[in-house]
Each structure stands twice: as C-alpha cells, then as structure tokens.
Amino acid sequence: MAISKKNGKNGDNNWMSFSDIMTGLMVIFMFISISYIVEVQKKQKERDIIFEEFKATKEQLYAELENAFKDDFKEWQVELDKDLSIKFTNPEVLFESGSSSIRPYFSAILDEFMPRYFNILLQQKYSDKIAEIRIEGHTDIIPAPAFDRDPYIGNIILSQLRSAQVLKYFRNSYYYSNLTDDEELKLQFLLTANGLSFGRTLDDDKQLTAFSGKPINNQNSRRVEFRIVTTSETLVERVLKEIGK
C-alpha cells in the first residue's frame, strides 16, 4: 500500500508538472498572439494614415492648381489630371517638328504658367509633401532618324532634349533669378527633366493608349507634362510592395 501511495503521489506530481508547463506555454502563446495582433493593428493604422495623407495632399494640390489656372488652361489647351499631371498637348504651340526649340507662343505661356505654378508648390505647407517635380517630354510614333536609327531611341533623345529645354528656359527666367538660395536649392533637388519617347502615347480622348486600347493620336501624344510626385505617393508604393510580399 505504501508503494502504491508513493507511486500515486509521484504520478500526481508528474501530472501537475506537465499541466504547469502546458499552462505556461499557453500563456506565452497568448502574449505572442496579442503582441502580433497589436503590431498588425499598428501597421494597419499607419497604412491608413499614409493613404489618407496621400489622398488629402493630392486633393489639396489639385484644387489649388485648378483654381489658379482653370481659365488659362482652357485658352492654352492644357489638361489638368487628378494624378497632378499638367499636359500641354497642342503640338502647334510647343516645338517645331523634329526640333527642341521652343516656339514663341509656348515661351509666352511658360512665362505665365511657371511663376504661378512654382509659387503654389514652394509654399511652406508643401515643403515635406512633394518628392519630385517632373518635366516630361513625350513624342508621337514618327521616327526621328536625325537622332538615332532606332525610332524609339531617336525619340527618347528628342523628348529628352525638349524636356531639358523647358527646364533650361525656366532656369533662365526672371522668376528663377529672383528665387532665394533655399528655394533654388530645393528646386534643384526636386526638378527633373525626363524624355519618355512614345512609350506613353495618347488616344483621341487624351487617355493613355496602353490602358484604353484605342488607336494612337499622334497630335495628342506630342506633348510636355509637368508632373508632381508626392512624398505620400512614394510611401504608398512602399506599403503596396510590403503587402505584396
């Protein structure tokens, strides 16, 4: 009987020890789960804030640009899109065919447009909201053999020369010469000139043919665009990449 009791006691002790271990593990797993849920909720909240800031910044910039230029854009045949791109799509105004020389009427438009445009973007409230200001040159699908035998590369060179010429014109303007040192440094960091050849042609409705599937309109495709990339936009891209992993 004594042995039986001893064995019984040992069995109870062993069982209690195992129960304690399982209880401890369950508590540990519970805390891990709670920590994981809290971290997920925190990241989701951060993502929601980023998306809200992204939306608010774009809406505010769009509203300011539309209010500042709505009458002029009609006269100049300029399109302001929700993605904050401003499309100068009248090829008769911009450059001579196959040339990067700015036509006089386009010069007059730039003299009116650029000071007001950059006055909006250089406001203090946007100092940490804008990551890049792109001047983009776009061509039609007509080859540019004077620059390269490859039609796409020839037009890459031509469109790059055109966007660079617009940037050069801006840097030589009276407005630019009156910028403060800080403003000039900021714009040197933000402003880029980009030649995109005929990689992003437009249709009759001035929509990207890559998405619409409609025939290319060469006249609409020959254009210069001013495009704003917000800091929130770069964060959104990073979040989307993280989600996709």
Protein backbone atom coordinates (compact mmCIF):
# COMPACT_ATOMS: atom_id res chain seq x y z
CA MET A 1 0.00 0.00 0.00
CA ALA A 2 2.82 2.40 0.82
CA ILE A 3 4.44 1.80 -2.51
CA SER A 4 1.13 2.30 -4.21
CA LYS A 5 0.64 5.63 -2.44
CA LYS A 6 4.18 6.69 -3.27
CA ASN A 7 3.69 5.81 -6.91
CA GLY A 8 0.37 7.60 -6.85
CA LYS A 9 1.96 10.69 -5.39
CA ASN A 10 4.74 10.66 -7.97
CA GLY A 11 2.18 10.28 -10.73
CA ASP A 12 0.22 13.23 -9.40
CA ASN A 13 3.38 15.32 -9.13
CA ASN A 14 4.38 14.41 -12.67
CA TRP A 15 0.93 15.27 -13.97
CA MET A 16 0.88 18.59 -12.12
CA SER A 17 4.29 19.48 -13.54
CA PHE A 18 3.14 18.73 -17.08
CA SER A 19 -0.03 20.80 -16.54
CA ASP A 20 2.04 23.70 -15.29
CA ILE A 21 4.24 23.51 -18.38
CA MET A 22 1.22 23.47 -20.71
CA THR A 23 -0.36 26.38 -18.85
CA GLY A 24 2.87 28.34 -19.10
CA LEU A 25 3.14 27.64 -22.82
CA MET A 26 -0.44 28.71 -23.38
CA VAL A 27 0.21 31.98 -21.54
CA ILE A 28 3.34 32.58 -23.65
CA PHE A 29 1.46 31.86 -26.89
CA MET A 30 -1.35 34.13 -25.75
CA PHE A 31 1.07 37.03 -25.19
CA ILE A 32 2.74 36.36 -28.54
CA SER A 33 -0.65 36.40 -30.25
CA ILE A 34 -1.67 39.62 -28.52
CA SER A 35 1.64 41.25 -29.45
CA TYR A 36 1.20 40.14 -33.05
CA ILE A 37 -2.36 41.49 -33.21
CA VAL A 38 -1.28 44.81 -31.70
CA GLU A 39 1.59 45.08 -34.20
CA VAL A 40 -0.72 44.28 -37.13
CA GLN A 41 -3.24 46.87 -35.93
CA LYS A 42 -0.45 49.42 -35.53
CA LYS A 43 0.82 48.81 -39.07
CA GLN A 44 -2.72 48.98 -40.44
CA LYS A 45 -3.26 52.29 -38.67
CA GLU A 46 0.00 53.63 -40.12
CA ARG A 47 -1.07 52.50 -43.59
CA ASP A 48 -4.46 54.14 -43.20
CA ILE A 49 -2.77 57.41 -42.17
CA ILE A 50 -0.41 57.23 -45.18
CA PHE A 51 -3.28 56.62 -47.61
CA GLU A 52 -5.34 59.42 -46.06
CA GLU A 53 -2.41 61.85 -46.26
CA PHE A 54 -1.75 60.77 -49.84
CA LYS A 55 -5.37 61.42 -50.79
CA ALA A 56 -5.60 64.73 -48.89
CA THR A 57 -2.35 66.09 -50.38
CA LYS A 58 -3.35 65.26 -53.94
CA GLU A 59 -6.82 66.71 -53.49
CA GLN A 60 -5.44 69.93 -51.99
CA LEU A 61 -2.83 70.39 -54.71
CA TYR A 62 -5.37 69.62 -57.43
CA ALA A 63 -7.83 72.16 -56.02
CA GLU A 64 -5.17 74.89 -55.82
CA LEU A 65 -3.91 74.27 -59.34
CA GLU A 66 -7.41 74.14 -60.80
CA ASN A 67 -8.41 77.34 -59.04
CA ALA A 68 -5.25 79.15 -60.16
CA PHE A 69 -5.35 78.08 -63.82
CA LYS A 70 -8.88 76.97 -64.79
CA ASP A 71 -9.46 79.87 -67.19
CA ASP A 72 -5.93 79.84 -68.62
CA PHE A 73 -5.91 76.08 -69.19
CA LYS A 74 -8.91 76.36 -71.50
CA GLU A 75 -7.19 79.07 -73.52
CA TRP A 76 -3.87 77.23 -73.62
CA GLN A 77 -5.46 73.81 -74.38
CA VAL A 78 -3.92 72.33 -71.27
CA GLU A 79 -5.21 69.32 -69.31
CA LEU A 80 -5.00 69.00 -65.51
CA ASP A 81 -5.45 65.39 -64.40
CA LYS A 82 -6.30 64.04 -60.97
CA ASP A 83 -2.82 62.47 -60.82
CA LEU A 84 -1.45 66.06 -60.71
CA SER A 85 -0.06 65.94 -64.23
CA ILE A 86 -0.47 69.05 -66.37
CA LYS A 87 -0.45 68.22 -70.08
CA PHE A 88 0.49 70.77 -72.72
CA THR A 89 -0.96 68.91 -75.69
CA ASN A 90 -1.13 71.46 -78.51
CA PRO A 91 1.85 70.47 -80.73
CA GLU A 92 1.44 73.58 -82.89
CA VAL A 93 2.32 75.62 -79.80
CA LEU A 94 5.23 73.62 -78.38
CA PHE A 95 8.09 72.80 -80.79
CA GLU A 96 8.85 72.65 -84.47
CA SER A 97 8.60 69.11 -85.86
CA GLY A 98 11.76 67.18 -85.02
CA SER A 99 13.15 70.16 -83.11
CA SER A 100 13.74 71.00 -79.45
CA SER A 101 13.48 74.77 -80.00
CA ILE A 102 10.60 76.26 -78.03
CA ARG A 103 8.13 78.20 -80.15
CA PRO A 104 7.43 81.85 -79.22
CA TYR A 105 3.83 81.22 -78.15
CA PHE A 106 4.90 78.36 -75.87
CA SER A 107 7.52 80.69 -74.36
CA ALA A 108 4.79 83.23 -73.62
CA ILE A 109 2.65 80.52 -71.98
CA LEU A 110 5.58 79.30 -69.87
CA ASP A 111 6.22 82.89 -68.73
CA GLU A 112 2.64 82.99 -67.42
CA PHE A 113 2.44 79.44 -66.15
CA MET A 114 5.69 78.68 -64.36
CA PRO A 115 5.84 81.51 -61.78
CA ARG A 116 2.30 80.77 -60.56
CA TYR A 117 2.85 77.03 -60.69
CA PHE A 118 6.02 77.11 -58.61
CA ASN A 119 4.60 79.70 -56.21
CA ILE A 120 1.99 77.08 -55.30
CA LEU A 121 4.48 74.23 -54.97
CA LEU A 122 7.01 76.24 -52.95
CA GLN A 123 4.50 77.04 -50.21
CA GLN A 124 5.68 76.01 -46.75
CA LYS A 125 2.73 73.67 -46.26
CA TYR A 126 4.01 71.50 -49.12
CA SER A 127 7.66 71.52 -48.01
CA ASP A 128 7.51 67.89 -46.85
CA LYS A 129 4.75 66.77 -49.23
CA ILE A 130 6.50 66.87 -52.62
CA ALA A 131 9.16 64.34 -53.56
CA GLU A 132 9.73 65.30 -57.21
CA ILE A 133 8.56 67.71 -59.91
CA ARG A 134 8.97 66.10 -63.30
CA ILE A 135 9.12 67.88 -66.65
CA GLU A 136 8.34 65.15 -69.16
CA GLY A 137 8.79 65.19 -72.93
CA HIS A 138 6.56 62.86 -74.98
CA THR A 139 6.65 62.26 -78.73
CA ASP A 140 4.46 60.64 -81.38
CA ILE A 141 5.47 57.38 -83.11
CA ILE A 142 7.06 59.09 -86.13
CA PRO A 143 10.76 58.09 -86.34
CA ALA A 144 13.44 60.69 -85.57
CA PRO A 145 16.35 59.43 -87.73
CA ALA A 146 18.34 62.63 -87.15
CA PHE A 147 18.91 61.39 -83.59
CA ASP A 148 19.05 57.60 -83.99
CA ARG A 149 18.12 54.89 -86.48
CA ASP A 150 16.08 53.16 -83.79
CA PRO A 151 12.75 55.09 -83.80
CA TYR A 152 12.22 54.67 -80.06
CA ILE A 153 15.76 55.74 -79.12
CA GLY A 154 15.65 58.62 -81.59
CA ASN A 155 12.51 59.88 -79.92
CA ILE A 156 13.98 59.27 -76.45
CA ILE A 157 16.77 61.68 -77.37
CA LEU A 158 14.36 64.19 -78.93
CA SER A 159 11.94 64.09 -75.98
CA GLN A 160 14.82 64.40 -73.51
CA LEU A 161 16.16 67.44 -75.36
CA ARG A 162 12.70 69.02 -75.28
CA SER A 163 12.14 68.48 -71.56
CA ALA A 164 15.66 69.75 -70.85
CA GLN A 165 14.99 72.81 -73.00
CA VAL A 166 11.89 73.64 -70.93
CA LEU A 167 13.92 73.26 -67.74
CA LYS A 168 16.67 75.44 -69.19
CA TYR A 169 14.10 78.07 -70.15
CA PHE A 170 12.81 78.08 -66.58
CA ARG A 171 16.30 78.42 -65.10
CA ASN A 172 16.96 81.41 -67.37
CA SER A 173 13.68 83.11 -66.47
CA TYR A 174 13.28 86.31 -64.46
CA TYR A 175 11.26 84.39 -61.88
CA TYR A 176 14.06 81.88 -61.31
CA SER A 177 16.68 84.62 -60.94
CA ASN A 178 14.67 86.06 -58.03
CA LEU A 179 14.40 82.85 -56.04
CA THR A 180 16.06 82.73 -52.65
CA ASP A 181 19.09 80.48 -52.25
CA ASP A 182 17.00 78.00 -50.28
CA GLU A 183 14.28 77.93 -52.95
CA GLU A 184 16.84 77.39 -55.70
CA LEU A 185 18.47 74.51 -53.81
CA LYS A 186 15.06 72.98 -53.19
CA LEU A 187 14.09 73.14 -56.86
CA GLN A 188 17.45 71.77 -57.96
CA PHE A 189 16.67 68.76 -55.78
CA LEU A 190 13.04 68.38 -56.87
CA LEU A 191 13.11 69.25 -60.59
CA THR A 192 13.96 66.62 -63.19
CA ALA A 193 13.77 66.59 -67.00
CA ASN A 194 12.66 63.28 -68.49
CA GLY A 195 12.38 62.08 -72.08
CA LEU A 196 9.83 59.28 -72.50
CA SER A 197 9.75 58.89 -76.29
CA PHE A 198 6.46 57.35 -77.48
CA GLY A 199 6.19 54.93 -74.57
CA ARG A 200 3.06 56.70 -73.25
CA THR A 201 1.04 57.70 -76.28
CA LEU A 202 -2.47 59.19 -76.02
CA ASP A 203 -5.72 58.46 -77.87
CA ASP A 204 -8.34 60.88 -79.21
CA ASP A 205 -9.64 61.42 -75.66
CA LYS A 206 -6.13 62.16 -74.37
CA GLN A 207 -6.09 58.91 -72.42
CA LEU A 208 -3.10 56.56 -72.33
CA THR A 209 -3.46 54.07 -75.17
CA ALA A 210 -1.74 51.40 -73.05
CA PHE A 211 -4.86 51.38 -70.86
CA SER A 212 -7.62 52.45 -73.25
CA GLY A 213 -6.60 50.12 -76.10
CA LYS A 214 -7.66 52.80 -78.59
CA PRO A 215 -5.64 53.97 -81.62
CA ILE A 216 -2.80 56.43 -81.09
CA ASN A 217 -3.45 60.09 -81.74
CA ASN A 218 -0.07 61.45 -82.80
CA GLN A 219 -1.04 65.06 -82.25
CA ASN A 220 -2.16 64.47 -78.64
CA SER A 221 0.86 62.28 -77.97
CA ARG A 222 3.30 65.09 -78.79
CA ARG A 223 3.26 66.95 -75.51
CA VAL A 224 5.09 68.30 -72.48
CA GLU A 225 3.86 67.38 -69.00
CA PHE A 226 4.56 68.85 -65.58
CA ARG A 227 4.01 66.08 -63.03
CA ILE A 228 4.11 66.20 -59.23
CA VAL A 229 5.17 63.15 -57.23
CA THR A 230 4.18 63.46 -53.58
CA THR A 231 6.13 62.00 -50.66
CA SER A 232 2.97 60.12 -49.68
CA GLU A 233 2.97 58.54 -53.13
CA THR A 234 6.39 57.02 -52.55
CA LEU A 235 5.22 55.75 -49.15
CA VAL A 236 2.10 54.23 -50.72
CA GLU A 237 4.28 52.39 -53.23
CA ARG A 238 6.41 51.06 -50.37
CA VAL A 239 3.34 49.89 -48.45
CA LEU A 240 1.94 48.16 -51.53
CA LYS A 241 5.25 46.35 -52.02
CA GLU A 242 5.20 45.21 -48.38
CA ILE A 243 1.62 43.96 -48.76
CA GLY A 244 2.60 42.06 -51.89
CA LYS A 245 5.40 40.18 -50.16
